[in-house]
Amino acid sequence: MKTSIHRDQSGLVGRFIVGWLLIVAILGVGAVDGASIAFTTFRLSDVAVAAASEAASRFRSQQDVPGACQSAVRAVEVQDPEITFVRCRIDRAGVATITVRQEASTLVVGRIDMLKKYGRVTRTEAVGALSV
């Protein structure tokens, strides 16, 4: 004979398991997207530093700003053609500042309008002529 306590608790364990599975799935997707954004950030930083080093080196040897920026553009294209070259600036002291941008490949962040800005990674790096 079932009592009212047993009838009220029927399906409780199933609902509890489904709830925890949803929480784990949401946290898992968030971790994957976060790792993708972090990897893209580190990758862009490396590419920007390499391009800035190339530009600073070219500027130091030839004192040619447009040529130095062109060598930075080529350095970015060689490393990853999908990275967008945004800006190149070289000051009188020979410090090259390079800005690059790329969309991180995410599962959810890139598909939700209010989260898209977190998946668009932009890095700016500067390298001086003395540090080349």
Foldseek 3Di string as FASTA:
>chain_A
DDDPVVVVCPCVVVVVVVVVVVVVVVVVQVVQQVVLLVVVQVVQVVLQVVLQLQLLQCCVVPVDNVVSNVSSVVSSCVVPVQKAWDDWDADPQSKIKTKIKHFGDGDPQCPDVVSRVSRIDMDIDIDGNVRD
